Structures are given as structure tokens and as C-alpha cells.
């Protein structure tokens, strides 16, 4: 379920499994349509999806976006006997309410940013509920705080005020069956719209994986300190978490702290992590959905860098109907092109959203993957195409340095 670049990446990998007889998407996108059948069903349409799963004898439902999970779509399907990779509405509150996440982390003893009673700079202003990655405002000055409070008020939701932490950020995904957690390779993403981390926050402008200094042993330590205590606490509350538990971390001088939890795969981190998996994603997700995940997840020794191509005025405005050229040329260069906001009109690929395409380059290291990604980006064009030119630049410099 879903229609973005994350869902295209998941579908691309799921379709490679020998166990995959049929792949369906609701609603999907033109990229996913090349892998399976797309259907005009919204990911939030629980009743329609339930009827579809029954009619097509679906063995596994994978929920991509957060909104249907928070709305309880996984509950509707699971109660009808469909195996679902995705948490219940109660467990999905770990993303759906930042206040709830704070309470869970406090009970579980998980280190996180301190919650503040009063908004004074420097601080972070967060919209409590879902905001598509656009509800967090970094406020280092009073002017930034005033602007952040005004922007947050537009979401008409409660606010959470936190201390502002400095450090390197890290995304760590764990595939969970309600009790156990298996880590995938970590990634770093780039949230701000402009080069040098300038401009407003977005849903994400790029990502890369793996992350230097975070091999399997270091990631296992993070799972033990962060993910597993939260799993235990959610289970204690009667809402075991089945799906992808995604921790957004910041690495401070005093150790890692959780900035946020998400209840699904990240976007665009998934587009960098999934191509590096050396194994059967379908079997892994099915094992989690049926309560018996155990096998470690192998990864290739390559690196991946993903560059998001967005609409001219993203994140303020989307773009629709503008013809896109060069995707086939980009794919011919060896890159993966995941569709995020596209549509077909009169046989032509056109824009249909804010983030339009995700271009993923692969290579022996981050520098090679970055070169491959940007070479492919140069093959694609549409009027006003917007993208960052510094995705993974610091990691590349670290390798060369």
C-alpha cells in the first residue's frame, strides 16, 4: 500500500523473491506498474483493501506510509486474518503522537531529547501528530522561534517543545515481530531542502548507506539500547509492534539520543538501504508479520546514494502534469530510478507531486555511489527540477580524506 518512492523500492525488492507469485499495489505508481498490477485504491481505504485482499487471496499486505497505519488499516486487515507487515493503530502512535512516544521512551528508559515546558531559543518545535516530515522547526534564535510557532500553528495540532541537540544524525530501521528486532543497515538522510542544510525541512532530499563507523556491532548496541526497550514497553501496554520500527537518532557528545520514532520504513532512506540487501525481503517481512522473525539480514559490500528530484517550489507546492524526460537514459547508466510523484498522461510520464523521482547510484563505496547517482541525475530533466548537489558529500570527503 502506497504510491511513493519508498513503496517503489519495496516493490522492486519484493518482486525479486522466488516466493512472489503476484504483486499488487494500492494505488502504486508508474514505476511499480512495471513490476506488478496497480489498483485505484487509496492506502487509507481499509474496507476497500479488505475486500481486495479477500478477492485476491493475498498472503501478505505491506503498508508503506504512516497515515494508514495510524488510521488503523493494519488492524482491519489483521482482524480479518490477513498477514500484515505494519503495526496496529495503538502501536503506530509511536509516530502518530510525539507526546505518546515521549511517554513510552521515559517508561522504557530510552535516552531522548529533554521535553521543555516553555519555548525559548534554542529549542525544537514539533507538531505532535503526523505532518509528512514538515512539522519540525529548528529554532536557534527568537526570530526562528516566532516563525516556527506560526508555521506549527497552521497544522492545528498540539505542540511538543524539546531541547536542541547537536550532533550527527542516523536512521536505524528494525524489522520487528512484536518481540524480536532485526536491524537493517543504517542510513543518513538529508531533511532540509537546500545545499548545506539550508531552507525548510522536507520529507527528505536524499540519503546514503552504509554509514561510516556503524557496522553490525555498533548497530546491535543501538538496538539493545533503543529499539528493544521500546518493543518491550509497547508489548507491556498490550500493543506489540509488528512492522518496521525506525529510530531517528542524533549522536551527541554524551551518547545517542532519539529524536523521533517512526512506525514504517523511512523515505528516502529505504531507497538506499533496500538495494543493498542480500537476501529475500519478502520472506523476512512475512516472518515478521506471522510472529517468527529470527534470521539476520545480510547486506552486500556496496554503498548506495539516493538523490531526490523535486518540484520547483517543493516543499511549499507540488507540481503536476509537467513532462519528464530521460528516465530510461538514467536507468541505462546503471542507476535505479524510483518513482515518487509521477503519473502517466497520454502515454507520457509527467510530474504528480512534490518529490518526483529518487535516483539511487550504487558503487564500491560512498564516493563511487555518489558519482553514479549524480551522473544519472544529469540524464533526467523537467522544467524547474530541484535537487541538492551535496548529498553524501561529507561522507565522500571522509573516505577520500
Protein backbone atom coordinates (compact mmCIF):
# COMPACT_ATOMS: atom_id res chain seq x y z
CA UNK A 1 0.00 0.00 0.00
CA UNK A 2 1.28 3.42 -1.01
CA UNK A 3 2.44 5.34 -4.05
CA UNK A 4 5.84 6.87 -3.32
CA UNK A 5 9.50 6.16 -3.85
CA UNK A 6 9.68 4.08 -0.68
CA UNK A 7 6.90 1.82 -1.96
CA UNK A 8 8.54 1.53 -5.38
CA UNK A 9 11.80 0.43 -3.71
CA UNK A 10 9.97 -2.13 -1.57
CA UNK A 11 8.01 -3.44 -4.56
CA UNK A 12 11.21 -3.68 -6.61
CA UNK A 13 12.82 -5.89 -3.98
CA UNK A 14 9.71 -7.93 -3.13
CA UNK A 15 9.16 -8.76 -6.80
CA UNK A 16 12.61 -10.38 -6.93
CA UNK A 17 11.61 -13.10 -4.44
CA UNK A 18 11.02 -16.61 -5.74
CA UNK A 19 8.08 -16.73 -3.33
CA UNK A 20 6.31 -13.82 -5.04
CA UNK A 21 3.60 -15.17 -7.35
CA UNK A 22 1.70 -11.91 -7.75
CA UNK A 23 2.50 -8.33 -6.77
CA UNK A 24 -0.33 -5.82 -6.37
CA UNK A 25 -0.16 -2.16 -5.34
CA UNK A 26 -2.78 0.20 -3.98
CA UNK A 27 -2.60 2.67 -5.57
CA UNK A 28 1.00 2.30 -6.78
CA UNK A 29 2.66 4.49 -9.39
CA UNK A 30 4.03 4.16 -12.96
CA UNK A 31 7.28 2.65 -11.69
CA UNK A 32 5.50 -0.01 -9.62
CA UNK A 33 3.22 -0.73 -12.58
CA UNK A 34 6.25 -2.17 -14.38
CA UNK A 35 6.60 -4.76 -11.60
CA UNK A 36 3.01 -5.75 -10.85
CA UNK A 37 -0.59 -4.59 -11.06
CA UNK A 38 -1.71 -1.24 -9.69
CA UNK A 39 -5.25 -0.70 -8.46
CA UNK A 40 -7.18 2.56 -7.85
CA UNK A 41 -7.42 2.04 -4.10
CA UNK A 42 -6.22 4.55 -1.54
CA UNK A 43 -3.85 3.21 1.11
CA UNK A 44 -6.23 4.60 3.77
CA UNK A 45 -9.29 2.76 2.39
CA UNK A 46 -9.46 -0.07 4.91
CA UNK A 47 -12.75 -1.51 3.70
CA UNK A 48 -11.71 -1.45 0.05
CA UNK A 49 -8.37 -3.03 0.85
CA UNK A 50 -10.00 -5.70 2.95
CA UNK A 51 -12.31 -6.64 0.07
CA UNK A 52 -9.36 -6.63 -2.33
CA UNK A 53 -7.28 -8.93 -0.09
CA UNK A 54 -10.20 -11.33 0.16
CA UNK A 55 -10.90 -11.34 -3.59
CA UNK A 56 -7.24 -11.90 -4.50
CA UNK A 57 -6.35 -14.28 -1.64
CA UNK A 58 -3.50 -12.02 -0.56
CA UNK A 59 -0.90 -13.78 1.62
CA UNK A 60 0.91 -10.67 2.84
CA UNK A 61 -0.01 -6.98 2.98
CA UNK A 62 2.83 -4.48 3.34
CA UNK A 63 1.77 -1.00 4.45
CA UNK A 64 4.17 1.69 3.23
CA UNK A 65 3.06 5.12 4.56
CA UNK A 66 2.39 6.13 8.13
CA UNK A 67 -1.08 7.65 7.70
CA UNK A 68 -2.92 4.35 7.01
CA UNK A 69 -1.11 2.71 9.94
CA UNK A 70 -2.09 5.47 12.36
CA UNK A 71 -5.64 5.26 10.98
CA UNK A 72 -5.83 1.53 11.80
CA UNK A 73 -5.75 -0.09 8.36
CA UNK A 74 -3.43 -2.85 9.63
CA UNK A 75 -5.96 -3.65 12.39
CA UNK A 76 -8.79 -4.03 9.89
CA UNK A 77 -6.82 -6.44 7.73
CA UNK A 78 -5.27 -8.37 10.62
CA UNK A 79 -8.61 -8.89 12.33
CA UNK A 80 -9.87 -10.46 9.09
CA UNK A 81 -7.00 -12.94 9.02
CA UNK A 82 -4.65 -11.17 6.58
CA UNK A 83 -0.95 -11.27 7.49
CA UNK A 84 0.16 -7.64 7.69
CA UNK A 85 3.60 -6.07 7.89
CA UNK A 86 2.73 -2.91 9.77
CA UNK A 87 1.78 -2.06 13.36
CA UNK A 88 -1.64 -1.66 14.91
CA UNK A 89 -3.06 1.84 15.33
CA UNK A 90 -2.17 1.77 19.02
CA UNK A 91 1.44 0.74 18.37
CA UNK A 92 1.67 3.24 15.47
CA UNK A 93 1.10 6.04 17.99
CA UNK A 94 4.88 5.85 18.48
CA UNK A 95 4.88 8.03 15.32
CA UNK A 96 1.34 9.37 15.37
CA UNK A 97 1.87 11.24 18.65
CA UNK A 98 5.21 12.64 19.72
CA UNK A 99 3.85 13.08 23.24
CA UNK A 100 2.97 9.38 23.37
CA UNK A 101 6.44 8.50 22.09
CA UNK A 102 7.98 10.60 24.86
CA UNK A 103 5.93 8.74 27.48
CA UNK A 104 6.94 5.34 26.06
CA UNK A 105 10.62 6.28 25.96
CA UNK A 106 10.51 7.58 29.54
CA UNK A 107 8.93 4.32 30.73
CA UNK A 108 11.41 2.25 28.72
CA UNK A 109 14.47 4.22 29.85
CA UNK A 110 15.43 5.21 26.30
CA UNK A 111 17.60 8.36 26.02
CA UNK A 112 15.92 11.19 24.15
CA UNK A 113 15.84 14.97 23.89
CA UNK A 114 14.51 16.64 27.03
CA UNK A 115 10.97 17.98 26.81
CA UNK A 116 10.72 21.68 27.70
CA UNK A 117 7.82 23.41 29.44
CA UNK A 118 8.47 26.78 27.77
CA UNK A 119 9.57 27.61 24.23
CA UNK A 120 12.80 29.60 24.41
CA UNK A 121 15.61 29.57 21.84
CA UNK A 122 17.49 27.43 21.21
CA UNK A 123 14.85 24.72 21.02
CA UNK A 124 12.93 22.47 18.64
CA UNK A 125 9.21 22.92 17.99
CA UNK A 126 7.38 19.79 16.85
CA UNK A 127 3.80 19.22 15.77
CA UNK A 128 2.54 16.33 17.90
CA UNK A 129 0.78 14.43 15.10
CA UNK A 130 1.64 13.46 11.54
CA UNK A 131 2.98 16.25 9.33
CA UNK A 132 4.63 14.42 6.39
CA UNK A 133 8.10 15.35 7.62
CA UNK A 134 7.25 19.05 7.65
CA UNK A 135 6.24 19.51 11.29
CA UNK A 136 9.66 20.04 12.90
CA UNK A 137 11.15 23.52 13.31
CA UNK A 138 14.72 24.13 14.46
CA UNK A 139 14.78 27.40 16.37
CA UNK A 140 18.20 28.81 17.29
CA UNK A 141 17.05 32.45 17.51
CA UNK A 142 13.91 34.26 18.67
CA UNK A 143 13.04 35.12 15.06
CA UNK A 144 13.27 31.44 14.09
CA UNK A 145 11.17 30.50 17.09
CA UNK A 146 8.47 33.03 16.20
CA UNK A 147 8.41 31.75 12.61
CA UNK A 148 8.40 28.13 13.77
CA UNK A 149 5.48 28.67 16.14
CA UNK A 150 3.49 30.38 13.38
CA UNK A 151 4.19 27.56 10.93
CA UNK A 152 3.43 24.89 13.52
CA UNK A 153 0.12 26.58 14.41
CA UNK A 154 -1.02 26.07 10.80
CA UNK A 155 -1.14 22.30 11.47
CA UNK A 156 -3.86 22.84 14.12
CA UNK A 157 -2.35 20.28 16.49
CA UNK A 158 -0.72 20.14 19.91
CA UNK A 159 2.97 21.06 20.09
CA UNK A 160 5.95 19.40 21.72
CA UNK A 161 8.92 21.60 22.67
CA UNK A 162 12.32 19.94 23.03
CA UNK A 163 15.90 20.90 23.77
CA UNK A 164 18.01 21.44 20.66
CA UNK A 165 20.70 18.77 20.38
CA UNK A 166 23.76 18.97 18.18
CA UNK A 167 25.46 16.05 16.50
CA UNK A 168 25.44 13.70 13.55
CA UNK A 169 22.07 12.12 12.72
CA UNK A 170 21.49 8.45 12.00
CA UNK A 171 18.47 6.41 10.86
CA UNK A 172 18.24 2.84 12.15
CA UNK A 173 15.46 0.51 10.96
CA UNK A 174 14.49 -2.70 12.75
CA UNK A 175 12.16 -5.37 11.39
CA UNK A 176 10.02 -6.44 14.36
CA UNK A 177 7.57 -9.27 15.06
CA UNK A 178 6.22 -7.86 18.33
CA UNK A 179 9.00 -9.34 20.47
CA UNK A 180 12.19 -9.57 18.41
CA UNK A 181 14.02 -6.94 16.37
CA UNK A 182 16.38 -7.48 13.43
CA UNK A 183 18.39 -4.48 12.20
CA UNK A 184 18.87 -3.35 8.62
CA UNK A 185 21.88 -1.31 7.51
CA UNK A 186 21.85 2.23 8.95
CA UNK A 187 21.45 5.30 6.75
CA UNK A 188 21.72 9.05 6.90
CA UNK A 189 19.15 11.30 5.28
CA UNK A 190 19.08 14.99 4.38
CA UNK A 191 15.93 16.74 5.53
CA UNK A 192 16.42 20.37 4.53
CA UNK A 193 15.60 21.44 1.02
CA UNK A 194 18.81 23.28 0.14
CA UNK A 195 22.53 22.60 -0.10
CA UNK A 196 24.43 22.98 3.15
CA UNK A 197 21.29 22.03 5.10
CA UNK A 198 19.62 25.34 4.29
CA UNK A 199 15.93 26.12 3.95
CA UNK A 200 12.89 24.42 5.47
CA UNK A 201 12.57 20.79 6.48
CA UNK A 202 11.11 18.43 3.90
CA UNK A 203 10.13 14.79 3.70
CA UNK A 204 13.77 14.16 2.73
CA UNK A 205 16.01 15.24 -0.15
CA UNK A 206 18.43 12.31 -0.24
CA UNK A 207 20.15 9.55 1.71
CA UNK A 208 23.09 7.18 1.74
CA UNK A 209 24.03 3.84 3.26
CA UNK A 210 26.05 2.35 4.89
CA UNK A 211 27.25 4.93 7.40
CA UNK A 212 30.93 5.06 8.37
CA UNK A 213 31.72 3.79 11.88
CA UNK A 214 28.38 1.99 12.20
CA UNK A 215 28.89 -1.65 11.39
CA UNK A 216 26.80 -4.58 12.66
CA UNK A 217 28.24 -4.47 16.19
CA UNK A 218 27.53 -0.76 16.66
CA UNK A 219 24.02 -1.09 15.23
CA UNK A 220 23.31 -4.04 17.55
CA UNK A 221 24.27 -1.85 20.51
CA UNK A 222 21.75 0.76 19.36
CA UNK A 223 19.02 -1.86 19.01
CA UNK A 224 19.70 -3.05 22.54
CA UNK A 225 19.59 0.50 23.94
CA UNK A 226 16.75 1.93 21.85
CA UNK A 227 14.53 -0.42 19.86
CA UNK A 228 14.21 -3.44 22.14
CA UNK A 229 13.24 -1.48 25.29
CA UNK A 230 10.52 0.28 23.28
CA UNK A 231 9.29 -3.06 21.90
CA UNK A 232 9.11 -4.42 25.43
CA UNK A 233 7.22 -1.38 26.70
CA UNK A 234 4.70 -1.44 23.85
CA UNK A 235 4.10 -5.15 24.42
CA UNK A 236 3.64 -4.49 28.15
CA UNK A 237 0.94 -1.97 27.25
CA UNK A 238 -0.85 -4.61 25.19
CA UNK A 239 0.10 -3.21 21.78
CA UNK A 240 3.02 -5.27 20.43
CA UNK A 241 4.77 -3.64 17.48
CA UNK A 242 4.81 -5.66 14.24
CA UNK A 243 6.50 -3.90 11.33
CA UNK A 244 9.42 -1.55 10.81
CA UNK A 245 10.41 0.42 13.91
CA UNK A 246 12.52 3.33 12.68
CA UNK A 247 14.55 5.37 15.14
CA UNK A 248 15.85 8.76 14.11
CA UNK A 249 18.91 9.29 16.32
CA UNK A 250 21.35 12.09 16.99
CA UNK A 251 24.86 11.22 18.14
CA UNK A 252 25.69 13.73 20.86
CA UNK A 253 28.89 14.05 22.91
CA UNK A 254 27.09 12.25 25.74
CA UNK A 255 25.84 9.41 23.58
CA UNK A 256 22.99 8.69 21.16
CA UNK A 257 19.60 10.29 21.74
CA UNK A 258 16.32 9.53 19.99
CA UNK A 259 14.93 12.47 18.02
CA UNK A 260 11.84 10.61 16.81
CA UNK A 261 10.35 7.19 16.24
CA UNK A 262 8.55 6.24 13.04
CA UNK A 263 6.30 3.24 12.52
CA UNK A 264 7.37 2.39 8.95
CA UNK A 265 10.30 2.37 6.55
CA UNK A 266 11.89 5.76 6.02
CA UNK A 267 11.66 7.75 2.82
CA UNK A 268 14.17 8.26 1.18
CA UNK A 269 16.41 6.04 3.36
CA UNK A 270 14.64 2.90 2.12
CA UNK A 271 15.73 3.70 -1.43
CA UNK A 272 19.37 3.44 -0.28
CA UNK A 273 19.04 0.53 2.15
CA UNK A 274 16.86 -1.89 0.16
CA UNK A 275 19.19 -2.17 -2.88
CA UNK A 276 21.97 -3.30 -0.51
CA UNK A 277 20.00 -6.20 0.99
CA UNK A 278 21.48 -9.56 0.06
CA UNK A 279 18.52 -11.80 0.72
CA UNK A 280 14.79 -12.33 0.39
CA UNK A 281 12.89 -9.30 1.69
CA UNK A 282 9.54 -11.00 1.15
CA UNK A 283 10.41 -13.91 3.43
CA UNK A 284 11.73 -11.53 6.07
CA UNK A 285 8.59 -9.36 6.12
CA UNK A 286 6.32 -12.39 6.08
CA UNK A 287 8.21 -13.89 9.03
CA UNK A 288 7.73 -10.67 10.97
CA UNK A 289 4.04 -10.49 10.10
CA UNK A 290 3.49 -14.05 11.30
CA UNK A 291 5.48 -13.60 14.52
CA UNK A 292 8.68 -15.51 13.94
CA UNK A 293 11.45 -13.25 12.65
CA UNK A 294 14.85 -14.64 13.55
CA UNK A 295 17.34 -14.64 10.67
CA UNK A 296 19.94 -11.91 10.43
CA UNK A 297 19.76 -9.68 7.37
CA UNK A 298 22.79 -9.88 5.10
CA UNK A 299 23.93 -6.87 3.09
CA UNK A 300 26.21 -6.56 0.09
CA UNK A 301 29.57 -4.83 0.43
CA UNK A 302 28.42 -1.97 -1.82
CA UNK A 303 27.23 1.53 -0.95
CA UNK A 304 24.18 3.42 -2.18
CA UNK A 305 23.42 7.14 -2.56
CA UNK A 306 19.93 8.42 -3.33
CA UNK A 307 19.20 11.90 -4.71
CA UNK A 308 15.62 13.21 -4.62
CA UNK A 309 14.37 15.18 -7.63
CA UNK A 310 11.62 17.52 -6.50
CA UNK A 311 9.18 20.04 -7.93
CA UNK A 312 10.38 23.64 -8.43
CA UNK A 313 8.67 25.02 -5.31
CA UNK A 314 8.88 21.97 -3.04
CA UNK A 315 8.10 21.77 -0.12
CA UNK A 316 5.65 24.69 -0.42
CA UNK A 317 3.93 23.47 -3.60
CA UNK A 318 3.61 20.33 -5.69
CA UNK A 319 3.83 20.15 -9.47
CA UNK A 320 1.50 18.20 -11.75
CA UNK A 321 1.40 17.45 -15.44
CA UNK A 322 4.92 18.53 -16.42
CA UNK A 323 6.58 16.06 -18.86
CA UNK A 324 9.65 14.21 -17.55
CA UNK A 325 12.48 13.24 -19.88
CA UNK A 326 15.48 10.95 -19.56
CA UNK A 327 14.44 8.30 -17.04
CA UNK A 328 15.34 5.47 -19.42
CA UNK A 329 18.76 7.05 -20.03
CA UNK A 330 19.37 7.30 -16.28
CA UNK A 331 18.46 3.64 -15.83
CA UNK A 332 20.68 2.69 -18.75
CA UNK A 333 23.61 4.25 -16.88
CA UNK A 334 23.14 1.61 -14.18
CA UNK A 335 21.23 3.71 -11.64
CA UNK A 336 17.93 2.79 -10.06
CA UNK A 337 15.13 5.32 -10.57
CA UNK A 338 12.29 5.04 -8.08
CA UNK A 339 9.08 6.91 -8.85
CA UNK A 340 7.83 9.09 -6.01
CA UNK A 341 5.37 11.59 -7.53
CA UNK A 342 4.70 10.65 -11.14
CA UNK A 343 1.76 9.79 -13.37
CA UNK A 344 1.12 8.68 -16.95
CA UNK A 345 -0.88 11.00 -19.18
CA UNK A 346 -1.47 10.23 -22.84
CA UNK A 347 1.41 7.79 -22.74
CA UNK A 348 3.88 10.29 -21.27
CA UNK A 349 5.48 10.30 -17.83
CA UNK A 350 4.62 13.53 -16.00
CA UNK A 351 5.10 15.07 -12.57
CA UNK A 352 2.46 14.42 -9.91
CA UNK A 353 3.67 15.60 -6.52
CA UNK A 354 6.38 17.33 -4.52
CA UNK A 355 9.14 14.74 -4.59
CA UNK A 356 9.04 13.41 -8.15
CA UNK A 357 11.83 10.82 -8.57
CA UNK A 358 14.51 9.19 -6.44
CA UNK A 359 17.77 8.36 -8.23
CA UNK A 360 19.92 5.73 -6.49
CA UNK A 361 23.51 5.10 -7.51
CA UNK A 362 25.45 2.02 -6.40
CA UNK A 363 29.19 1.66 -6.06
CA UNK A 364 32.06 0.06 -4.19
CA UNK A 365 31.98 2.90 -1.67
CA UNK A 366 30.01 6.09 -0.99
CA UNK A 367 32.19 8.14 -3.36
CA UNK A 368 31.57 5.75 -6.26
CA UNK A 369 27.86 5.50 -5.46
CA UNK A 370 27.57 9.28 -5.27
CA UNK A 371 29.25 9.70 -8.65
CA UNK A 372 26.88 7.14 -10.18
CA UNK A 373 23.82 8.83 -8.70
CA UNK A 374 24.70 12.31 -9.94
CA UNK A 375 25.72 11.03 -13.36
CA UNK A 376 22.23 9.54 -13.67
CA UNK A 377 20.57 12.70 -12.34
CA UNK A 378 22.12 14.63 -15.23
CA UNK A 379 20.22 12.40 -17.66
CA UNK A 380 16.82 13.42 -16.29
CA UNK A 381 15.08 16.72 -16.90
CA UNK A 382 11.83 18.58 -16.42
CA UNK A 383 11.27 22.35 -16.06
CA UNK A 384 12.33 23.62 -12.64
CA UNK A 385 13.77 20.28 -11.46
CA UNK A 386 15.05 20.83 -7.93
CA UNK A 387 17.64 18.71 -6.12
CA UNK A 388 20.50 19.01 -3.69
CA UNK A 389 24.03 18.71 -5.05
CA UNK A 390 25.67 17.82 -1.73
CA UNK A 391 24.01 14.51 -0.81
CA UNK A 392 26.65 12.35 0.91
CA UNK A 393 29.36 14.91 0.08
CA UNK A 394 30.71 14.90 3.64
CA UNK A 395 30.83 11.11 3.71
CA UNK A 396 32.66 11.10 0.39
CA UNK A 397 35.16 13.64 1.72
CA UNK A 398 35.69 11.45 4.77
CA UNK A 399 36.53 8.47 2.59
CA UNK A 400 38.96 10.44 0.46
CA UNK A 401 40.43 12.19 3.47
